[in-house]
Amino acid sequence: MVKIHPFTMILFSSILFFMTLVYSHPLYILSILIFIVLSMFFLEEKELLKQTMKYGLLMSVWIIMINPLVSQSGRTILFKSPRLSLIAKLKLTLQLKITLESLAYGGNMALKLFCILLIFSFFSVMTNPDENFSFFSKYAHKFTLTLSMSTNIIHRLKLEIMRVKDVMVLRGVNFKEKNLIKRVKAYYPILKVIFISSLEGALDRAESLYARGYGKGVRTSYSQIKMKRIDYLIHGMNLILLLLLGMSIAYDVGFVNFYPTFKGFGREDMIFLIYLDIALVVAMLFMRGCKKWKFLR
């Protein structure tokens, strides 16, 4: 599979991200969601898709459950509890009211969150991590290096903790003590070993950077990241999506009001939705072409 240029995918993902944030119409957001899911499915990234969907569904359920409890606006009342007295002297009472509009709004927000999570996963699928690092290093080399080392050290610390813990278990240390103080004493040596190991690792990385002349001049690269035919095609789709987004904002389509009562979908919303779906289908064909069509390479 041909990976897309980082700059191309940054623009494309950013447009999808802002469209998800700007639009309040559930069908518009659902169209973006279906586009990402089908694209990842065609690219055979089913495992990553399952993991992202698992976390997204969990957070979506929480949003749908919490929003009706926090926001009690709306006219279509589904449930209304009797008024409960919290503090009798102050005459402070509480009444729980769940409305259809608050449930719909929570579901729409959950759909947005779910879509945003998939956009980040989609970006990681369509780009090469090394090319991303090389691209960002040209413009923010210190920040990119710090971010890369910070994310890498979390995984390294996890492996180091597991290794030290296994060694201490072989030496007879019991980490399953019921007494909290004894358990803290059992874990304390691990913290010392990890702290010393982290300092030594930091010195090794600093020496490696110094030996390679990091920061002494203009950064060079072994190979240049070049634009391919697929990148130019996706840039064309970026312009079309930006045009559709601008027109929808100018003509006030793609937006719905959930409060005080939910308003139906207008005819102009459906027309713009068809245009958006056509653009996303063409973009999906381009994404699939990264794997199947050699003339795009």
Foldseek 3Di string as FASTA:
>chain_A
DDFAQLVLLVLVLVLLLVQLVPFLFLLLLVLLQVLLVVLCVLVVVVVLVVVLVVVLVVVLVVLLVVQQQVDQAADAWDDKDDWAQDDVVVRDIDIRTGHPLSNVSSNSVSSSSSSNSSSVVSSPVRHDPVSVLVVVCQPCVPVSVVVVVVVVVVVVLVVLLVVVVVVVVVVPQDCPDPDPVSNCVSCVVSVVVSVVVVVVVVVVVVVVCVVVVPPVDRDDDPDDDDHWQLSVVSVVLSVQSVVLVVVCVVVVESYWDSPRHTDDHDPVNVVSSVVVSVSSVVNSVSSSCSPVPPNRD
